Amino acid sequence: MEEIWTRFLDNLVSRPSGPFSLRFFMQPLIAILLAIRAGIHDAQVGAPAYLWAVLLNREARYGLLVSGWKDIARTFVISICLDIIFQWVVFRWIYPGEALMIAFILAVVPYATIRGPVNRIVSITYLRRRRNKSKDDKNARRSRAA
């Protein structure tokens, strides 16, 4: 078991400098963009922070996981395929467990960590705008009444 982890860590270190190294930037970027889009939507509908709710809200967990998987599934599968191609080109062997772990690191981790904070930031901004708009509406009504 120890040799599997050693091989994984050695292979992980060699991946960003080898062929297909651009994917180490593009796949997390795509996952982050998807998380931003989902976080904005969450804020607009008043949903709780994603990762926090997945971990602590037992009733909403399934729906949140399904929602997240719908967003990230394509990126996750592409990440697996690219890692399998990378492994074949570089190692002339395929390690499926490594491909799954790399896909998880490149796609799921950025998505899960970014979606909640984006939700919170947008929620705060959205609430401020609504408060300012309601104040402006009240002031406009007062000025029309006067």
Protein backbone atom coordinates (compact mmCIF):
# COMPACT_ATOMS: atom_id res chain seq x y z
CA MET A 1 0.00 0.00 0.00
CA GLU A 2 2.87 2.33 0.82
CA GLU A 3 4.37 1.84 -2.64
CA ILE A 4 1.06 2.86 -4.24
CA TRP A 5 1.08 6.17 -2.35
CA THR A 6 4.76 6.72 -3.12
CA ARG A 7 4.15 6.08 -6.83
CA PHE A 8 1.10 8.35 -6.78
CA LEU A 9 3.04 11.21 -5.17
CA ASP A 10 5.98 10.75 -7.56
CA ASN A 11 3.64 10.67 -10.55
CA LEU A 12 1.70 13.65 -9.23
CA VAL A 13 4.86 15.73 -9.04
CA SER A 14 5.82 14.79 -12.63
CA ARG A 15 2.40 15.65 -14.11
CA PRO A 16 2.50 19.48 -14.12
CA SER A 17 5.84 19.56 -15.95
CA GLY A 18 5.09 16.80 -18.46
CA PRO A 19 2.80 16.59 -21.46
CA PHE A 20 -0.75 17.91 -21.03
CA SER A 21 0.48 20.30 -18.32
CA LEU A 22 -1.96 23.00 -19.46
CA ARG A 23 -4.80 20.94 -18.04
CA PHE A 24 -3.49 21.61 -14.53
CA PHE A 25 -4.55 25.21 -15.08
CA MET A 26 -7.53 24.80 -17.38
CA GLN A 27 -9.50 22.14 -15.52
CA PRO A 28 -9.48 23.92 -12.15
CA LEU A 29 -10.27 27.17 -13.99
CA ILE A 30 -13.30 25.59 -15.65
CA ALA A 31 -14.41 24.11 -12.32
CA ILE A 32 -14.03 27.53 -10.68
CA LEU A 33 -16.06 29.22 -13.43
CA LEU A 34 -18.82 26.62 -12.99
CA ALA A 35 -18.69 27.16 -9.22
CA ILE A 36 -18.99 30.92 -9.67
CA ARG A 37 -22.04 30.46 -11.88
CA ALA A 38 -23.64 28.06 -9.39
CA GLY A 39 -22.72 30.28 -6.42
CA ILE A 40 -24.39 33.28 -8.05
CA HIS A 41 -27.51 31.21 -8.68
CA ASP A 42 -27.45 29.96 -5.07
CA ALA A 43 -27.27 33.55 -3.82
CA GLN A 44 -30.19 34.61 -5.99
CA VAL A 45 -32.42 31.85 -4.66
CA GLY A 46 -31.21 32.24 -1.07
CA ALA A 47 -29.50 28.84 -0.80
CA PRO A 48 -26.95 28.19 1.96
CA ALA A 49 -23.20 27.94 1.33
CA TYR A 50 -22.59 24.80 -0.73
CA LEU A 51 -19.87 22.84 1.04
CA TRP A 52 -21.13 23.83 4.48
CA ALA A 53 -24.65 22.67 3.59
CA VAL A 54 -23.40 19.42 2.03
CA LEU A 55 -21.48 18.58 5.18
CA LEU A 56 -24.02 19.66 7.78
CA ASN A 57 -27.51 19.70 6.27
CA ARG A 58 -28.63 16.11 6.02
CA GLU A 59 -31.99 16.93 4.35
CA ALA A 60 -30.49 19.08 1.57
CA ARG A 61 -27.33 17.01 1.05
CA TYR A 62 -28.64 14.76 -1.72
CA GLY A 63 -30.10 17.62 -3.75
CA LEU A 64 -26.93 19.68 -3.40
CA LEU A 65 -24.72 16.77 -4.43
CA VAL A 66 -26.90 16.11 -7.48
CA SER A 67 -26.80 19.81 -8.38
CA GLY A 68 -23.03 19.93 -8.00
CA TRP A 69 -22.54 16.73 -9.96
CA LYS A 70 -24.65 18.08 -12.84
CA ASP A 71 -22.34 21.08 -13.00
CA ILE A 72 -19.02 19.29 -12.66
CA ALA A 73 -19.60 15.84 -14.24
CA ARG A 74 -18.38 16.72 -17.73
CA THR A 75 -15.22 18.37 -16.39
CA PHE A 76 -14.59 15.39 -14.11
CA VAL A 77 -14.93 12.88 -16.97
CA ILE A 78 -12.69 14.95 -19.25
CA SER A 79 -10.13 15.12 -16.46
CA ILE A 80 -10.16 11.33 -16.10
CA CYS A 81 -9.78 10.83 -19.86
CA LEU A 82 -6.90 13.30 -20.11
CA ASP A 83 -5.11 11.67 -17.20
CA ILE A 84 -5.51 8.22 -18.74
CA ILE A 85 -4.03 9.56 -21.99
CA PHE A 86 -1.21 11.20 -20.02
CA GLN A 87 -0.48 7.97 -18.17
CA TRP A 88 -0.37 5.99 -21.38
CA VAL A 89 1.95 8.48 -23.09
CA VAL A 90 4.33 8.91 -20.15
CA PHE A 91 4.19 5.64 -18.20
CA ARG A 92 2.91 3.23 -20.87
CA TRP A 93 0.55 1.99 -18.18
CA ILE A 94 -2.81 3.09 -16.81
CA TYR A 95 -3.49 3.54 -13.11
CA PRO A 96 -7.26 4.06 -12.78
CA GLY A 97 -7.12 4.99 -9.09
CA GLU A 98 -4.63 7.75 -9.84
CA ALA A 99 -6.81 9.02 -12.68
CA LEU A 100 -9.79 9.25 -10.32
CA MET A 101 -7.77 11.02 -7.64
CA ILE A 102 -6.31 13.53 -10.10
CA ALA A 103 -9.75 14.20 -11.56
CA PHE A 104 -11.10 14.75 -8.05
CA ILE A 105 -8.27 17.15 -7.21
CA LEU A 106 -8.53 19.10 -10.49
CA ALA A 107 -12.30 19.29 -10.80
CA VAL A 108 -14.23 18.60 -7.62
CA VAL A 109 -12.03 20.27 -5.01
CA PRO A 110 -11.96 23.71 -6.70
CA TYR A 111 -15.71 23.55 -7.40
CA ALA A 112 -16.64 22.59 -3.86
CA THR A 113 -14.38 25.17 -2.22
CA ILE A 114 -15.35 28.13 -4.44
CA ARG A 115 -19.14 27.75 -4.77
CA GLY A 116 -19.94 28.57 -1.13
CA PRO A 117 -17.77 31.70 -0.79
CA VAL A 118 -19.12 33.06 -4.09
CA ASN A 119 -22.62 32.49 -2.76
CA ARG A 120 -21.79 34.45 0.40
CA ILE A 121 -20.11 37.33 -1.44
CA VAL A 122 -22.92 37.66 -3.95
CA SER A 123 -25.54 37.34 -1.20
CA ILE A 124 -24.00 40.20 0.74
CA THR A 125 -23.75 42.36 -2.39
CA TYR A 126 -27.25 41.41 -3.50
CA LEU A 127 -28.73 42.24 -0.09
CA ARG A 128 -26.94 45.61 -0.01
CA ARG A 129 -28.32 46.47 -3.43
CA ARG A 130 -31.83 45.49 -2.38
CA ARG A 131 -31.57 47.59 0.78
CA ASN A 132 -30.23 50.57 -1.15
CA LYS A 133 -32.93 50.17 -3.76
CA SER A 134 -35.66 50.03 -1.11
CA LYS A 135 -34.21 53.16 0.54
CA ASP A 136 -34.13 54.91 -2.85
CA ASP A 137 -37.73 53.84 -3.50
CA LYS A 138 -38.83 55.21 -0.11
CA ASN A 139 -37.02 58.49 -0.74
CA ALA A 140 -38.61 58.75 -4.19
CA ARG A 141 -42.08 58.16 -2.71
CA ARG A 142 -41.47 60.79 -0.04
CA SER A 143 -40.29 63.34 -2.58
CA ARG A 144 -43.35 62.69 -4.78
CA ALA A 145 -45.65 63.02 -1.77
CA ALA A 146 -44.08 66.34 -0.73
